[in-house]
Amino acid sequence: MDRTESMPAQTLPPGAAPAEQPSVLLPGHDVPLGRYTTVRRLLPQRQRRMVGAWCFVDHFGPDDVAERPGMEVPPHPHTGLQTVTWLLDGEILHRDSLGNVQPIRPGQLNVMTSGHGIAHSERSPAARPPLMHGVQLWVALPDPARAGAADFAHHAELPRWRDGELDVTLLVGETGGERSPAVVHTPLIGAQLEVRGATPATLPLRRDFEYGLLAMSGSAEVDAMPLAPGALLYLGAGRDAFTLRAAPGSRLLLLGGEPFDEPLVMWWNFVGRSHEEIAAAREDWMAGRRFGVVTDDPAVPLPAPALPTTRLKARDRRGGVLG
């Protein structure tokens, strides 16, 4: 999972609502994850680096893992972020350096907060369902949470309700008078929308949030724009609502949040603020410091790649170099 991304977020005067922005379709690209899994990376991309504090979106599957190993990601480090894991099919076993050993199944949520540093592994268990399908997302942590203690939470129950032709499951944040139990550190929303009927649905939005919509299964049409399975539509900010039409059974993931107001440097599995911070995290991982040992996982930890020969530079949301 090698990434080198840097950006400051857009800022607005206090109390100002952003103007409505044009939608941008992000088809994603395939990236190997471990030896046996390929994911579609939807964020970051050149056209769009973040949606609120959501700075990374991988969509994997549906994959037939009945006769294959499935997900096999050895111990690796994280700093400056939260990982958010959501499954539509299958089972994955999470282990981390805090001592947690936790399976996750469809309808459940894992949220791991790296703080200053944590290590974990993700594997398909030996006895597993034949299909694997889901998403893993990163949330950039703001100051001071990114320098705080690591944490892990498993949520077996989440708010769910019927809204017209949609079944809504709230992963993080709050909407419709409901609040997720997942702890986040900036104003965010993450919700699965499962379509039950053919009638178009109109969903209200916050004008101060920017949004993206990922088609996880089934095709959709958003404000008359087609959205193929595995693609992410960036909806921008300044919207009051959007209209969704999709075939019954389609499942989509709505992501949103206030534009993130801190600069970021993303490289490999680290989210930081400067080249020096990223270099220090890499050095600590390779020296066996800071991140701890993953519980009950005998695999050799992933080595960090070499840093680039040039200094990691900041980029804006469209990829422009800042200095």
C-alpha atoms as a PDB file:
ATOM      1  CA  MET A   1       0.000   0.000   0.000  1.00  0.00           C
ATOM      2  CA  ASP A   2       2.529   2.555  -1.206  1.00  0.00           C
ATOM      3  CA  ARG A   3       1.261   6.128  -1.285  1.00  0.00           C
ATOM      4  CA  THR A   4       3.003   9.475  -1.503  1.00  0.00           C
ATOM      5  CA  GLU A   5       0.376  12.193  -1.281  1.00  0.00           C
ATOM      6  CA  SER A   6       0.492  15.673   0.266  1.00  0.00           C
ATOM      7  CA  MET A   7      -2.150  18.344   0.367  1.00  0.00           C
ATOM      8  CA  PRO A   8      -3.689  21.192   2.320  1.00  0.00           C
ATOM      9  CA  ALA A   9      -7.460  21.292   2.499  1.00  0.00           C
ATOM     10  CA  GLN A  10      -9.718  24.076   1.329  1.00  0.00           C
ATOM     11  CA  THR A  11     -10.703  26.623   3.947  1.00  0.00           C
ATOM     12  CA  LEU A  12     -13.647  29.024   4.150  1.00  0.00           C
ATOM     13  CA  PRO A  13     -14.365  32.110   6.259  1.00  0.00           C
ATOM     14  CA  PRO A  14     -16.254  31.292   9.474  1.00  0.00           C
ATOM     15  CA  GLY A  15     -19.931  30.729   8.775  1.00  0.00           C
ATOM     16  CA  ALA A  16     -19.528  30.706   4.991  1.00  0.00           C
ATOM     17  CA  ALA A  17     -21.118  27.854   3.046  1.00  0.00           C
ATOM     18  CA  PRO A  18     -19.267  26.627  -0.043  1.00  0.00           C
ATOM     19  CA  ALA A  19     -20.808  27.087  -3.453  1.00  0.00           C
ATOM     20  CA  GLU A  20     -22.089  23.950  -5.159  1.00  0.00           C
ATOM     21  CA  GLN A  21     -19.249  22.196  -6.992  1.00  0.00           C
ATOM     22  CA  PRO A  22     -19.415  20.081 -10.153  1.00  0.00           C
ATOM     23  CA  SER A  23     -19.439  16.319  -9.753  1.00  0.00           C
ATOM     24  CA  VAL A  24     -16.288  14.381 -10.702  1.00  0.00           C
ATOM     25  CA  LEU A  25     -16.370  10.680 -11.626  1.00  0.00           C
ATOM     26  CA  LEU A  26     -13.409   8.716 -10.216  1.00  0.00           C
ATOM     27  CA  PRO A  27     -13.218   5.219 -11.775  1.00  0.00           C
ATOM     28  CA  GLY A  28     -10.253   4.097  -9.652  1.00  0.00           C
ATOM     29  CA  HIS A  29      -7.374   1.771 -10.541  1.00  0.00           C
ATOM     30  CA  ASP A  30      -6.276  -1.723  -9.502  1.00  0.00           C
ATOM     31  CA  VAL A  31      -3.578  -2.087  -6.836  1.00  0.00           C
ATOM     32  CA  PRO A  32      -2.185  -5.380  -5.419  1.00  0.00           C
ATOM     33  CA  LEU A  33      -2.777  -5.758  -1.662  1.00  0.00           C
ATOM     34  CA  GLY A  34      -0.577  -8.506  -0.304  1.00  0.00           C
ATOM     35  CA  ARG A  35      -0.010 -11.614  -2.460  1.00  0.00           C
ATOM     36  CA  TYR A  36      -3.572 -12.662  -3.182  1.00  0.00           C
ATOM     37  CA  THR A  37      -5.862  -9.614  -3.218  1.00  0.00           C
ATOM     38  CA  THR A  38      -6.284  -6.798  -5.707  1.00  0.00           C
ATOM     39  CA  VAL A  39      -8.205  -3.681  -4.681  1.00  0.00           C
ATOM     40  CA  ARG A  40      -9.675  -0.765  -6.611  1.00  0.00           C
ATOM     41  CA  ARG A  41      -8.188   2.434  -5.233  1.00  0.00           C
ATOM     42  CA  LEU A  42     -10.681   5.311  -5.423  1.00  0.00           C
ATOM     43  CA  LEU A  43      -8.852   7.819  -3.205  1.00  0.00           C
ATOM     44  CA  PRO A  44      -6.432   9.505  -3.433  1.00  0.00           C
ATOM     45  CA  GLN A  45      -6.446  10.409  -7.146  1.00  0.00           C
ATOM     46  CA  ARG A  46      -5.141  13.317  -9.161  1.00  0.00           C
ATOM     47  CA  GLN A  47      -8.619  14.794  -9.569  1.00  0.00           C
ATOM     48  CA  ARG A  48      -9.517  14.435  -5.898  1.00  0.00           C
ATOM     49  CA  ARG A  49      -7.305  13.746  -2.909  1.00  0.00           C
ATOM     50  CA  MET A  50      -9.828  13.761  -0.047  1.00  0.00           C
ATOM     51  CA  VAL A  51     -13.520  13.873   0.807  1.00  0.00           C
ATOM     52  CA  GLY A  52     -13.706  15.607   4.154  1.00  0.00           C
ATOM     53  CA  ALA A  53     -11.144  13.785   6.320  1.00  0.00           C
ATOM     54  CA  TRP A  54     -11.579  10.583   4.263  1.00  0.00           C
ATOM     55  CA  CYS A  55      -8.162  10.377   2.618  1.00  0.00           C
ATOM     56  CA  PHE A  56      -8.067   6.800   1.311  1.00  0.00           C
ATOM     57  CA  VAL A  57     -10.677   4.438  -0.155  1.00  0.00           C
ATOM     58  CA  ASP A  58     -10.029   0.846  -1.278  1.00  0.00           C
ATOM     59  CA  HIS A  59     -12.867  -1.319  -2.634  1.00  0.00           C
ATOM     60  CA  PHE A  60     -12.166  -5.065  -2.927  1.00  0.00           C
ATOM     61  CA  GLY A  61     -14.192  -7.907  -4.420  1.00  0.00           C
ATOM     62  CA  PRO A  62     -16.483  -9.579  -4.789  1.00  0.00           C
ATOM     63  CA  ASP A  63     -13.767 -12.262  -4.940  1.00  0.00           C
ATOM     64  CA  ASP A  64     -14.172 -16.041  -4.813  1.00  0.00           C
ATOM     65  CA  VAL A  65     -11.885 -17.143  -1.954  1.00  0.00           C
ATOM     66  CA  ALA A  66     -13.267 -20.674  -1.502  1.00  0.00           C
ATOM     67  CA  GLU A  67     -10.136 -22.233  -3.021  1.00  0.00           C
ATOM     68  CA  ARG A  68      -7.764 -19.277  -2.554  1.00  0.00           C
ATOM     69  CA  PRO A  69      -6.083 -17.811   0.537  1.00  0.00           C
ATOM     70  CA  GLY A  70      -8.126 -14.601   0.422  1.00  0.00           C
ATOM     71  CA  MET A  71      -6.722 -11.585   2.246  1.00  0.00           C
ATOM     72  CA  GLU A  72      -3.178 -12.083   3.565  1.00  0.00           C
ATOM     73  CA  VAL A  73      -1.688  -8.795   4.773  1.00  0.00           C
ATOM     74  CA  PRO A  74       1.205  -9.340   7.248  1.00  0.00           C
ATOM     75  CA  PRO A  75       1.926  -6.997  10.187  1.00  0.00           C
ATOM     76  CA  HIS A  76       2.464  -3.408   9.065  1.00  0.00           C
ATOM     77  CA  PRO A  77       2.437   0.025  10.757  1.00  0.00           C
ATOM     78  CA  HIS A  78       0.168   3.058  10.725  1.00  0.00           C
ATOM     79  CA  THR A  79       0.417   6.547  12.163  1.00  0.00           C
ATOM     80  CA  GLY A  80      -1.718   9.677  11.913  1.00  0.00           C
ATOM     81  CA  LEU A  81      -4.935   7.976  10.740  1.00  0.00           C
ATOM     82  CA  GLN A  82      -7.920   5.752  11.466  1.00  0.00           C
ATOM     83  CA  THR A  83      -8.706   2.633   9.468  1.00  0.00           C
ATOM     84  CA  VAL A  84     -12.398   1.910   8.894  1.00  0.00           C
ATOM     85  CA  THR A  85     -13.279  -1.594   7.629  1.00  0.00           C
ATOM     86  CA  TRP A  86     -16.716  -2.583   6.304  1.00  0.00           C
ATOM     87  CA  LEU A  87     -17.659  -5.904   4.689  1.00  0.00           C
ATOM     88  CA  LEU A  88     -20.520  -6.817   2.387  1.00  0.00           C
ATOM     89  CA  ASP A  89     -19.474 -10.499   2.179  1.00  0.00           C
ATOM     90  CA  GLY A  90     -16.904 -12.705   3.878  1.00  0.00           C
ATOM     91  CA  GLU A  91     -14.850 -12.530   7.048  1.00  0.00           C
ATOM     92  CA  ILE A  92     -11.485 -10.970   7.935  1.00  0.00           C
ATOM     93  CA  LEU A  93      -9.467 -11.488  11.113  1.00  0.00           C
ATOM     94  CA  HIS A  94      -7.881  -8.351  12.574  1.00  0.00           C
ATOM     95  CA  ARG A  95      -4.894  -8.582  14.920  1.00  0.00           C
ATOM     96  CA  ASP A  96      -3.003  -5.603  16.343  1.00  0.00           C
ATOM     97  CA  SER A  97      -0.197  -4.553  18.659  1.00  0.00           C
ATOM     98  CA  LEU A  98      -2.669  -3.564  21.410  1.00  0.00           C
ATOM     99  CA  GLY A  99      -3.532  -7.253  21.846  1.00  0.00           C
ATOM    100  CA  ASN A 100      -6.818  -7.270  19.922  1.00  0.00           C
ATOM    101  CA  VAL A 101      -7.787 -10.355  17.905  1.00  0.00           C
ATOM    102  CA  GLN A 102     -11.142  -9.612  16.304  1.00  0.00           C
ATOM    103  CA  PRO A 103     -13.024 -11.134  13.353  1.00  0.00           C
ATOM    104  CA  ILE A 104     -15.247  -8.829  11.335  1.00  0.00           C
ATOM    105  CA  ARG A 105     -18.293  -9.979   9.372  1.00  0.00           C
ATOM    106  CA  PRO A 106     -20.881  -8.217   7.185  1.00  0.00           C
ATOM    107  CA  GLY A 107     -22.867  -5.567   9.044  1.00  0.00           C
ATOM    108  CA  GLN A 108     -20.096  -5.016  11.595  1.00  0.00           C
ATOM    109  CA  LEU A 109     -17.552  -2.191  11.728  1.00  0.00           C
ATOM    110  CA  ASN A 110     -13.885  -2.121  12.769  1.00  0.00           C
ATOM    111  CA  VAL A 111     -12.307   1.250  13.572  1.00  0.00           C
ATOM    112  CA  MET A 112      -8.614   1.305  14.429  1.00  0.00           C
ATOM    113  CA  THR A 113      -7.101   4.599  15.584  1.00  0.00           C
ATOM    114  CA  SER A 114      -3.359   4.668  15.045  1.00  0.00           C
ATOM    115  CA  GLY A 115      -2.600   7.838  16.990  1.00  0.00           C
ATOM    116  CA  HIS A 116       1.182   8.089  17.251  1.00  0.00           C
ATOM    117  CA  GLY A 117       1.620   4.498  16.106  1.00  0.00           C
ATOM    118  CA  ILE A 118       0.093   1.024  15.885  1.00  0.00           C
ATOM    119  CA  ALA A 119       0.722  -2.169  13.898  1.00  0.00           C
ATOM    120  CA  HIS A 120      -1.844  -4.689  12.663  1.00  0.00           C
ATOM    121  CA  SER A 121      -2.425  -7.561  10.252  1.00  0.00           C
ATOM    122  CA  GLU A 122      -5.499  -8.575   8.244  1.00  0.00           C
ATOM    123  CA  ARG A 123      -6.140 -12.154   7.133  1.00  0.00           C
ATOM    124  CA  SER A 124      -8.930 -14.350   5.858  1.00  0.00           C
ATOM    125  CA  PRO A 125      -9.473 -17.122   8.451  1.00  0.00           C
ATOM    126  CA  ALA A 126      -8.987 -20.753   7.449  1.00  0.00           C
ATOM    127  CA  ALA A 127     -12.739 -21.451   7.738  1.00  0.00           C
ATOM    128  CA  ARG A 128     -14.356 -18.637   5.776  1.00  0.00           C
ATOM    129  CA  PRO A 129     -17.298 -17.856   3.499  1.00  0.00           C
ATOM    130  CA  PRO A 130     -16.643 -18.362  -0.223  1.00  0.00           C
ATOM    131  CA  LEU A 131     -16.926 -14.660  -1.161  1.00  0.00           C
ATOM    132  CA  MET A 132     -14.997 -11.617   0.077  1.00  0.00           C
ATOM    133  CA  HIS A 133     -16.284  -8.119  -0.664  1.00  0.00           C
ATOM    134  CA  GLY A 134     -15.825  -4.857   1.207  1.00  0.00           C
ATOM    135  CA  VAL A 135     -14.040  -1.567   1.662  1.00  0.00           C
ATOM    136  CA  GLN A 136     -11.214  -0.240   3.753  1.00  0.00           C
ATOM    137  CA  LEU A 137     -11.009   3.479   4.323  1.00  0.00           C
ATOM    138  CA  TRP A 138      -8.646   5.858   6.052  1.00  0.00           C
ATOM    139  CA  VAL A 139      -9.572   8.951   8.000  1.00  0.00           C
ATOM    140  CA  ALA A 140      -6.855  11.567   8.508  1.00  0.00           C
ATOM    141  CA  LEU A 141      -6.485  12.423  12.199  1.00  0.00           C
ATOM    142  CA  PRO A 142      -6.286  16.105  13.162  1.00  0.00           C
ATOM    143  CA  ASP A 143      -4.079  17.607  15.836  1.00  0.00           C
ATOM    144  CA  PRO A 144      -3.905  16.588  18.649  1.00  0.00           C
ATOM    145  CA  ALA A 145      -5.493  13.152  18.033  1.00  0.00           C
ATOM    146  CA  ARG A 146      -2.770  12.122  15.606  1.00  0.00           C
ATOM    147  CA  ALA A 147      -0.175  12.315  18.393  1.00  0.00           C
ATOM    148  CA  GLY A 148      -2.395  10.533  20.932  1.00  0.00           C
ATOM    149  CA  ALA A 149      -2.731   6.949  22.076  1.00  0.00           C
ATOM    150  CA  ALA A 150      -3.698   4.125  19.727  1.00  0.00           C
ATOM    151  CA  ASP A 151      -7.112   2.485  20.051  1.00  0.00           C
ATOM    152  CA  PHE A 152      -9.316  -0.176  18.455  1.00  0.00           C
ATOM    153  CA  ALA A 153     -13.096  -0.612  18.514  1.00  0.00           C
ATOM    154  CA  HIS A 154     -15.372  -3.297  17.066  1.00  0.00           C
ATOM    155  CA  HIS A 155     -19.030  -2.360  16.573  1.00  0.00           C
ATOM    156  CA  ALA A 156     -21.313  -5.360  16.144  1.00  0.00           C
ATOM    157  CA  GLU A 157     -24.450  -3.163  16.138  1.00  0.00           C
ATOM    158  CA  LEU A 158     -24.940   0.041  14.155  1.00  0.00           C
ATOM    159  CA  PRO A 159     -27.947   2.338  13.603  1.00  0.00           C
ATOM    160  CA  ARG A 160     -30.167   1.010  10.781  1.00  0.00           C
ATOM    161  CA  TRP A 161     -33.456   2.312   9.430  1.00  0.00           C
ATOM    162  CA  ARG A 162     -35.726   2.386   6.382  1.00  0.00           C
ATOM    163  CA  ASP A 163     -35.984   5.709   4.529  1.00  0.00           C
ATOM    164  CA  GLY A 164     -38.498   5.321   1.712  1.00  0.00           C
ATOM    165  CA  GLU A 165     -36.922   2.946  -0.815  1.00  0.00           C
ATOM    166  CA  LEU A 166     -33.571   2.862   1.033  1.00  0.00           C
ATOM    167  CA  ASP A 167     -32.223   0.811   3.920  1.00  0.00           C
ATOM    168  CA  VAL A 168     -29.647   3.025   5.644  1.00  0.00           C
ATOM    169  CA  THR A 169     -26.813   1.749   7.869  1.00  0.00           C
ATOM    170  CA  LEU A 170     -24.854   4.498   9.617  1.00  0.00           C
ATOM    171  CA  LEU A 171     -21.167   3.612   9.915  1.00  0.00           C
ATOM    172  CA  VAL A 172     -19.810   6.875  11.341  1.00  0.00           C
ATOM    173  CA  GLY A 173     -21.143  10.321  12.155  1.00  0.00           C
ATOM    174  CA  GLU A 174     -24.778  11.341  12.494  1.00  0.00           C
ATOM    175  CA  THR A 175     -27.762  11.899  10.223  1.00  0.00           C
ATOM    176  CA  GLY A 176     -31.532  11.489  10.327  1.00  0.00           C
ATOM    177  CA  GLY A 177     -31.531  11.873  14.104  1.00  0.00           C
ATOM    178  CA  GLU A 178     -29.207   8.861  14.515  1.00  0.00           C
ATOM    179  CA  ARG A 179     -25.589   8.758  15.694  1.00  0.00           C
ATOM    180  CA  SER A 180     -23.006   6.023  15.140  1.00  0.00           C
ATOM    181  CA  PRO A 181     -21.146   4.674  18.189  1.00  0.00           C
ATOM    182  CA  ALA A 182     -17.855   4.898  16.256  1.00  0.00           C
ATOM    183  CA  VAL A 183     -15.530   7.614  17.582  1.00  0.00           C
ATOM    184  CA  VAL A 184     -14.200  10.053  14.988  1.00  0.00           C
ATOM    185  CA  HIS A 185     -12.246  13.271  15.446  1.00  0.00           C
ATOM    186  CA  THR A 186     -13.631  15.555  12.731  1.00  0.00           C
ATOM    187  CA  PRO A 187     -17.212  16.096  11.459  1.00  0.00           C
ATOM    188  CA  LEU A 188     -17.805  13.078   9.179  1.00  0.00           C
ATOM    189  CA  ILE A 189     -20.448  10.815   7.788  1.00  0.00           C
ATOM    190  CA  GLY A 190     -20.211   7.306   6.359  1.00  0.00           C
ATOM    191  CA  ALA A 191     -23.412   5.414   5.505  1.00  0.00           C
ATOM    192  CA  GLN A 192     -24.382   2.386   3.442  1.00  0.00           C
ATOM    193  CA  LEU A 193     -27.446   2.869   1.237  1.00  0.00           C
ATOM    194  CA  GLU A 194     -29.171  -0.324   0.124  1.00  0.00           C
ATOM    195  CA  VAL A 195     -31.821   0.178  -2.545  1.00  0.00           C
ATOM    196  CA  ARG A 196     -35.121  -1.665  -2.021  1.00  0.00           C
ATOM    197  CA  GLY A 197     -37.295  -0.302  -4.825  1.00  0.00           C
ATOM    198  CA  ALA A 198     -37.139   1.270  -8.273  1.00  0.00           C
ATOM    199  CA  THR A 199     -38.493   4.666  -7.203  1.00  0.00           C
ATOM    200  CA  PRO A 200     -35.803   7.403  -7.180  1.00  0.00           C
ATOM    201  CA  ALA A 201     -34.765   8.559  -3.700  1.00  0.00           C
ATOM    202  CA  THR A 202     -33.761  12.090  -2.717  1.00  0.00           C
ATOM    203  CA  LEU A 203     -31.259  12.361   0.117  1.00  0.00           C
ATOM    204  CA  PRO A 204     -30.660  15.569   2.101  1.00  0.00           C
ATOM    205  CA  LEU A 205     -27.083  16.813   2.493  1.00  0.00           C
ATOM    206  CA  ARG A 206     -25.251  19.415   4.577  1.00  0.00           C
ATOM    207  CA  ARG A 207     -24.026  22.355   2.514  1.00  0.00           C
ATOM    208  CA  ASP A 208     -20.859  22.680   4.656  1.00  0.00           C
ATOM    209  CA  PHE A 209     -19.881  19.041   3.922  1.00  0.00           C
ATOM    210  CA  GLU A 210     -18.317  17.683   0.756  1.00  0.00           C
ATOM    211  CA  TYR A 211     -19.507  14.235  -0.353  1.00  0.00           C
ATOM    212  CA  GLY A 212     -18.608  11.216  -2.420  1.00  0.00           C
ATOM    213  CA  LEU A 213     -20.722   8.197  -3.375  1.00  0.00           C
ATOM    214  CA  LEU A 214     -19.179   4.772  -4.054  1.00  0.00           C
ATOM    215  CA  ALA A 215     -21.152   2.110  -5.951  1.00  0.00           C
ATOM    216  CA  MET A 216     -20.148  -1.091  -4.152  1.00  0.00           C
ATOM    217  CA  SER A 217     -22.625  -3.356  -5.963  1.00  0.00           C
ATOM    218  CA  GLY A 218     -25.093  -2.575  -8.726  1.00  0.00           C
ATOM    219  CA  SER A 219     -25.153   0.381 -11.109  1.00  0.00           C
ATOM    220  CA  ALA A 220     -26.699   3.687 -10.107  1.00  0.00           C
ATOM    221  CA  GLU A 221     -27.642   7.056 -11.505  1.00  0.00           C
ATOM    222  CA  VAL A 222     -26.994  10.160  -9.417  1.00  0.00           C
ATOM    223  CA  ASP A 223     -28.611  13.399 -10.621  1.00  0.00           C
ATOM    224  CA  ALA A 224     -28.814  11.747 -14.071  1.00  0.00           C
ATOM    225  CA  MET A 225     -25.076  10.840 -14.022  1.00  0.00           C
ATOM    226  CA  PRO A 226     -24.347   7.077 -14.416  1.00  0.00           C
ATOM    227  CA  LEU A 227     -22.258   5.425 -11.704  1.00  0.00           C
ATOM    228  CA  ALA A 228     -20.805   1.993 -12.500  1.00  0.00           C
ATOM    229  CA  PRO A 229     -19.972  -0.620  -9.823  1.00  0.00           C
ATOM    230  CA  GLY A 230     -16.593   0.085  -8.237  1.00  0.00           C
ATOM    231  CA  ALA A 231     -16.565   3.798  -9.174  1.00  0.00           C
ATOM    232  CA  LEU A 232     -16.660   6.830  -6.866  1.00  0.00           C
ATOM    233  CA  LEU A 233     -18.599   9.975  -7.721  1.00  0.00           C
ATOM    234  CA  TYR A 234     -17.298  13.104  -6.004  1.00  0.00           C
ATOM    235  CA  LEU A 235     -20.361  15.271  -5.363  1.00  0.00           C
ATOM    236  CA  GLY A 236     -18.517  18.322  -4.039  1.00  0.00           C
ATOM    237  CA  ALA A 237     -19.819  20.704  -1.378  1.00  0.00           C
ATOM    238  CA  GLY A 238     -22.601  23.274  -1.227  1.00  0.00           C
ATOM    239  CA  ARG A 239     -25.398  20.781  -2.012  1.00  0.00           C
ATOM    240  CA  ASP A 240     -28.699  20.487  -0.208  1.00  0.00           C
ATOM    241  CA  ALA A 241     -29.578  17.069  -1.653  1.00  0.00           C
ATOM    242  CA  PHE A 242     -29.020  14.578  -4.456  1.00  0.00           C
ATOM    243  CA  THR A 243     -31.337  12.183  -6.285  1.00  0.00           C
ATOM    244  CA  LEU A 244     -30.408   8.509  -6.532  1.00  0.00           C
ATOM    245  CA  ARG A 245     -31.855   5.917  -8.891  1.00  0.00           C
ATOM    246  CA  ALA A 246     -30.563   2.311  -8.780  1.00  0.00           C
ATOM    247  CA  ALA A 247     -31.733  -1.257  -9.256  1.00  0.00           C
ATOM    248  CA  PRO A 248     -33.171  -3.003  -6.191  1.00  0.00           C
ATOM    249  CA  GLY A 249     -30.401  -4.689  -4.208  1.00  0.00           C
ATOM    250  CA  SER A 250     -27.741  -2.136  -5.165  1.00  0.00           C
ATOM    251  CA  ARG A 251     -25.513  -1.051  -2.292  1.00  0.00           C
ATOM    252  CA  LEU A 252     -23.713   2.298  -2.189  1.00  0.00           C
ATOM    253  CA  LEU A 253     -21.446   3.985   0.335  1.00  0.00           C
ATOM    254  CA  LEU A 254     -21.984   7.677   1.081  1.00  0.00           C
ATOM    255  CA  LEU A 255     -18.906   9.450   2.455  1.00  0.00           C
ATOM    256  CA  GLY A 256     -18.797  13.071   3.567  1.00  0.00           C
ATOM    257  CA  GLY A 257     -17.357  15.579   5.961  1.00  0.00           C
ATOM    258  CA  GLU A 258     -16.152  19.097   6.518  1.00  0.00           C
ATOM    259  CA  PRO A 259     -13.181  19.914   4.267  1.00  0.00           C
ATOM    260  CA  PHE A 260     -10.065  18.993   6.235  1.00  0.00           C
ATOM    261  CA  ASP A 261      -8.153  22.122   7.266  1.00  0.00           C
ATOM    262  CA  GLU A 262      -4.690  20.683   8.007  1.00  0.00           C
ATOM    263  CA  PRO A 263      -1.911  19.954   5.468  1.00  0.00           C
ATOM    264  CA  LEU A 264      -1.075  16.282   4.922  1.00  0.00           C
ATOM    265  CA  VAL A 265       1.846  14.219   3.733  1.00  0.00           C
ATOM    266  CA  MET A 266       0.845  10.616   2.892  1.00  0.00           C
ATOM    267  CA  TRP A 267       3.508   8.010   2.174  1.00  0.00           C
ATOM    268  CA  TRP A 268       3.248   4.215   2.372  1.00  0.00           C
ATOM    269  CA  ASN A 269       1.159   3.520   5.523  1.00  0.00           C
ATOM    270  CA  PHE A 270       1.800   6.841   7.240  1.00  0.00           C
ATOM    271  CA  VAL A 271      -0.100  10.139   7.335  1.00  0.00           C
ATOM    272  CA  GLY A 272       1.984  13.044   8.583  1.00  0.00           C
ATOM    273  CA  ARG A 273       2.673  16.727   8.146  1.00  0.00           C
ATOM    274  CA  SER A 274       6.275  16.835   6.925  1.00  0.00           C
ATOM    275  CA  HIS A 275       9.035  14.832   5.271  1.00  0.00           C
ATOM    276  CA  GLU A 276      10.846  14.631   8.617  1.00  0.00           C
ATOM    277  CA  GLU A 277       7.819  13.165  10.377  1.00  0.00           C
ATOM    278  CA  ILE A 278       7.375  10.477   7.737  1.00  0.00           C
ATOM    279  CA  ALA A 279      11.095   9.652   7.767  1.00  0.00           C
ATOM    280  CA  ALA A 280      11.036   9.295  11.572  1.00  0.00           C
ATOM    281  CA  ALA A 281       8.032   6.922  11.412  1.00  0.00           C
ATOM    282  CA  ARG A 282       9.791   4.780   8.817  1.00  0.00           C
ATOM    283  CA  GLU A 283      12.986   4.664  10.879  1.00  0.00           C
ATOM    284  CA  ASP A 284      11.067   3.681  14.028  1.00  0.00           C
ATOM    285  CA  TRP A 285       9.248   0.875  12.203  1.00  0.00           C
ATOM    286  CA  MET A 286      12.422  -0.573  10.736  1.00  0.00           C
ATOM    287  CA  ALA A 287      14.162  -0.339  14.134  1.00  0.00           C
ATOM    288  CA  GLY A 288      11.309  -2.069  15.985  1.00  0.00           C
ATOM    289  CA  ARG A 289      10.310   1.034  17.938  1.00  0.00           C
ATOM    290  CA  ARG A 290       7.008   2.801  18.599  1.00  0.00           C
ATOM    291  CA  PHE A 291       4.554   0.447  16.827  1.00  0.00           C
ATOM    292  CA  GLY A 292       4.732  -2.685  18.994  1.00  0.00           C
ATOM    293  CA  VAL A 293       4.303  -6.347  17.998  1.00  0.00           C
ATOM    294  CA  VAL A 294       1.118  -7.744  16.462  1.00  0.00           C
ATOM    295  CA  THR A 295      -0.509 -10.276  18.784  1.00  0.00           C
ATOM    296  CA  ASP A 296      -0.529 -13.932  17.713  1.00  0.00           C
ATOM    297  CA  ASP A 297       0.811 -13.311  14.192  1.00  0.00           C
ATOM    298  CA  PRO A 298       4.145 -15.065  13.551  1.00  0.00           C
ATOM    299  CA  ALA A 299       4.565 -13.651  10.025  1.00  0.00           C
ATOM    300  CA  VAL A 300       7.545 -11.473   9.228  1.00  0.00           C
ATOM    301  CA  PRO A 301       6.413  -7.818   9.348  1.00  0.00           C
ATOM    302  CA  LEU A 302       6.338  -5.911   6.076  1.00  0.00           C
ATOM    303  CA  PRO A 303       9.520  -3.888   5.557  1.00  0.00           C
ATOM    304  CA  ALA A 304       9.036  -0.241   4.665  1.00  0.00           C
ATOM    305  CA  PRO A 305      10.095   0.748   1.150  1.00  0.00           C
ATOM    306  CA  ALA A 306      12.992   3.119   0.730  1.00  0.00           C
ATOM    307  CA  LEU A 307      12.141   6.789   0.926  1.00  0.00           C
ATOM    308  CA  PRO A 308      12.333   8.658  -2.382  1.00  0.00           C
ATOM    309  CA  THR A 309      15.644  10.302  -3.135  1.00  0.00           C
ATOM    310  CA  THR A 310      13.952  13.702  -3.233  1.00  0.00           C
ATOM    311  CA  ARG A 311      12.167  15.388  -0.356  1.00  0.00           C
ATOM    312  CA  LEU A 312       8.455  14.647   0.079  1.00  0.00           C
ATOM    313  CA  LYS A 313       6.716  17.861  -0.955  1.00  0.00           C
ATOM    314  CA  ALA A 314       3.302  19.236  -0.150  1.00  0.00           C
ATOM    315  CA  ARG A 315       0.619  19.194  -2.847  1.00  0.00           C
ATOM    316  CA  ASP A 316      -2.741  20.841  -3.048  1.00  0.00           C
ATOM    317  CA  ARG A 317      -6.017  18.940  -3.545  1.00  0.00           C
ATOM    318  CA  ARG A 318      -5.518  18.858  -7.300  1.00  0.00           C
ATOM    319  CA  GLY A 319      -1.924  17.651  -7.064  1.00  0.00           C
ATOM    320  CA  GLY A 320      -0.113  20.963  -7.452  1.00  0.00           C
ATOM    321  CA  VAL A 321       3.276  21.163  -5.724  1.00  0.00           C
ATOM    322  CA  LEU A 322       3.320  23.789  -2.982  1.00  0.00           C
ATOM    323  CA  GLY A 323       6.999  23.936  -2.218  1.00  0.00           C
END
